[in-house]
């Protein structure tokens, strides 16, 4: 599978759009980030697995302890070998300003798919550390 430069640009915008949606508490805007059946795995942070866009929105609105702001960095796209099942992965880091002026970091590992409305996250894993390659 190959992806175009336009696709890569759109993919590189997804982390920023996600951070802005969270910082602005724009839960409806999450449909520009996730598929309807998305899985959001925050278990490394002690949070149960979230399944579906509706559950992700509910969690973000009702349960999440959001930092003051999100800054996304180290964004890159990997295209898997078609012999290994293909697929596109989007990886990035977050630097988040926490309450009390402390900063926190996490790594995001996304499986993304191209939909009729553009690229969306189908499966996201968030860890407090880098996963080994």
Protein backbone atom coordinates (compact mmCIF):
# COMPACT_ATOMS: atom_id res chain seq x y z
CA UNK A 1 0.00 0.00 0.00
CA UNK A 2 1.22 3.49 -0.76
CA UNK A 3 -0.30 6.75 0.36
CA UNK A 4 -0.10 10.13 -1.30
CA UNK A 5 1.50 13.30 0.02
CA UNK A 6 -2.01 14.71 0.51
CA UNK A 7 -2.90 11.67 2.63
CA UNK A 8 0.25 12.10 4.72
CA UNK A 9 -0.58 15.77 5.29
CA UNK A 10 -4.09 14.89 6.43
CA UNK A 11 -2.71 12.20 8.73
CA UNK A 12 -0.19 14.63 10.24
CA UNK A 13 -3.08 16.98 11.06
CA UNK A 14 -5.05 14.34 13.00
CA UNK A 15 -3.04 14.61 16.26
CA UNK A 16 -3.41 18.40 16.32
CA UNK A 17 -7.12 18.20 15.59
CA UNK A 18 -7.48 15.67 18.41
CA UNK A 19 -5.58 17.88 20.87
CA UNK A 20 -7.67 20.92 19.94
CA UNK A 21 -10.94 18.96 20.24
CA UNK A 22 -9.97 17.83 23.74
CA UNK A 23 -8.66 21.24 24.84
CA UNK A 24 -11.80 22.97 23.46
CA UNK A 25 -14.11 20.28 24.94
CA UNK A 26 -15.49 19.83 21.41
CA UNK A 27 -16.82 16.30 21.84
CA UNK A 28 -18.81 16.47 18.58
CA UNK A 29 -15.51 17.22 16.80
CA UNK A 30 -14.21 13.78 17.74
CA UNK A 31 -16.08 12.36 14.74
CA UNK A 32 -13.36 14.04 12.63
CA UNK A 33 -10.79 11.92 14.52
CA UNK A 34 -12.33 8.48 15.19
CA UNK A 35 -14.38 5.92 13.28
CA UNK A 36 -17.77 5.07 14.78
CA UNK A 37 -16.41 1.68 15.90
CA UNK A 38 -13.05 2.98 17.18
CA UNK A 39 -11.26 1.32 20.08
CA UNK A 40 -9.35 3.62 22.45
CA UNK A 41 -6.98 1.67 24.69
CA UNK A 42 -5.98 3.65 27.78
CA UNK A 43 -5.41 0.58 29.95
CA UNK A 44 -1.75 1.54 30.51
CA UNK A 45 -3.14 4.59 32.35
CA UNK A 46 -5.50 2.46 34.46
CA UNK A 47 -8.58 3.34 32.38
CA UNK A 48 -10.90 0.67 30.96
CA UNK A 49 -10.91 0.02 27.22
CA UNK A 50 -13.25 2.39 25.36
CA UNK A 51 -15.17 0.89 22.44
CA UNK A 52 -17.07 3.07 19.97
CA UNK A 53 -17.18 6.79 19.33
CA UNK A 54 -20.16 7.26 21.64
CA UNK A 55 -18.24 5.72 24.57
CA UNK A 56 -15.13 7.78 23.77
CA UNK A 57 -17.22 10.98 23.80
CA UNK A 58 -18.94 10.00 27.05
CA UNK A 59 -15.61 9.25 28.72
CA UNK A 60 -14.06 12.52 27.55
CA UNK A 61 -17.05 14.50 28.78
CA UNK A 62 -17.76 12.74 32.07
CA UNK A 63 -14.74 10.82 33.37
CA UNK A 64 -11.49 12.04 31.85
CA UNK A 65 -9.06 14.13 33.88
CA UNK A 66 -7.87 16.41 31.08
CA UNK A 67 -4.60 18.33 31.19
CA UNK A 68 -4.78 22.08 30.61
CA UNK A 69 -3.33 21.76 27.11
CA UNK A 70 -2.02 19.18 24.66
CA UNK A 71 1.02 19.60 22.41
CA UNK A 72 1.57 16.85 19.85
CA UNK A 73 5.06 16.06 18.58
CA UNK A 74 7.18 13.36 16.88
CA UNK A 75 4.38 12.64 14.38
CA UNK A 76 5.10 10.01 11.74
CA UNK A 77 3.25 7.60 9.47
CA UNK A 78 4.23 4.01 8.75
CA UNK A 79 2.73 1.97 5.92
CA UNK A 80 2.80 -1.75 6.63
CA UNK A 81 3.92 -4.30 4.08
CA UNK A 82 0.89 -5.73 2.22
CA UNK A 83 2.27 -9.22 2.89
CA UNK A 84 1.83 -8.50 6.61
CA UNK A 85 -1.80 -7.45 6.20
CA UNK A 86 -1.15 -3.88 5.04
CA UNK A 87 -2.51 -0.97 7.00
CA UNK A 88 -1.40 2.49 7.99
CA UNK A 89 -0.09 3.45 11.41
CA UNK A 90 0.11 6.96 12.84
CA UNK A 91 2.43 7.47 15.82
CA UNK A 92 3.04 10.57 17.92
CA UNK A 93 3.85 11.90 21.38
CA UNK A 94 1.95 14.22 23.63
CA UNK A 95 3.43 16.75 25.99
CA UNK A 96 0.64 17.90 28.27
CA UNK A 97 0.58 20.72 30.76
CA UNK A 98 -0.96 19.29 33.92
CA UNK A 99 -2.62 21.10 36.78
CA UNK A 100 -0.04 22.59 39.12
CA UNK A 101 2.32 23.41 36.26
CA UNK A 102 3.75 19.90 35.82
CA UNK A 103 4.23 18.41 32.37
CA UNK A 104 3.39 14.85 31.39
CA UNK A 105 4.11 12.80 28.30
CA UNK A 106 2.57 9.80 26.58
CA UNK A 107 2.99 7.89 23.34
CA UNK A 108 0.10 7.32 20.93
CA UNK A 109 -0.04 4.39 18.50
CA UNK A 110 -2.91 4.57 16.01
CA UNK A 111 -4.20 2.24 13.34
CA UNK A 112 -5.90 4.54 10.84
CA UNK A 113 -8.23 3.93 7.92
CA UNK A 114 -9.32 6.09 5.02
CA UNK A 115 -13.08 6.64 5.06
CA UNK A 116 -15.36 8.57 2.72
CA UNK A 117 -14.87 11.53 5.09
CA UNK A 118 -11.07 11.24 5.28
CA UNK A 119 -8.57 9.48 7.52
CA UNK A 120 -9.84 8.33 10.91
CA UNK A 121 -8.41 6.48 13.91
CA UNK A 122 -9.82 2.97 14.16
CA UNK A 123 -7.67 1.75 17.05
CA UNK A 124 -5.59 3.86 19.44
CA UNK A 125 -3.22 2.69 22.17
CA UNK A 126 -1.82 5.24 24.62
CA UNK A 127 1.16 4.37 26.81
CA UNK A 128 3.20 6.28 29.35
CA UNK A 129 6.35 5.01 27.65
CA UNK A 130 7.55 4.13 24.19
CA UNK A 131 6.67 0.66 23.04
CA UNK A 132 9.61 -1.44 21.92
CA UNK A 133 9.81 -1.80 18.14
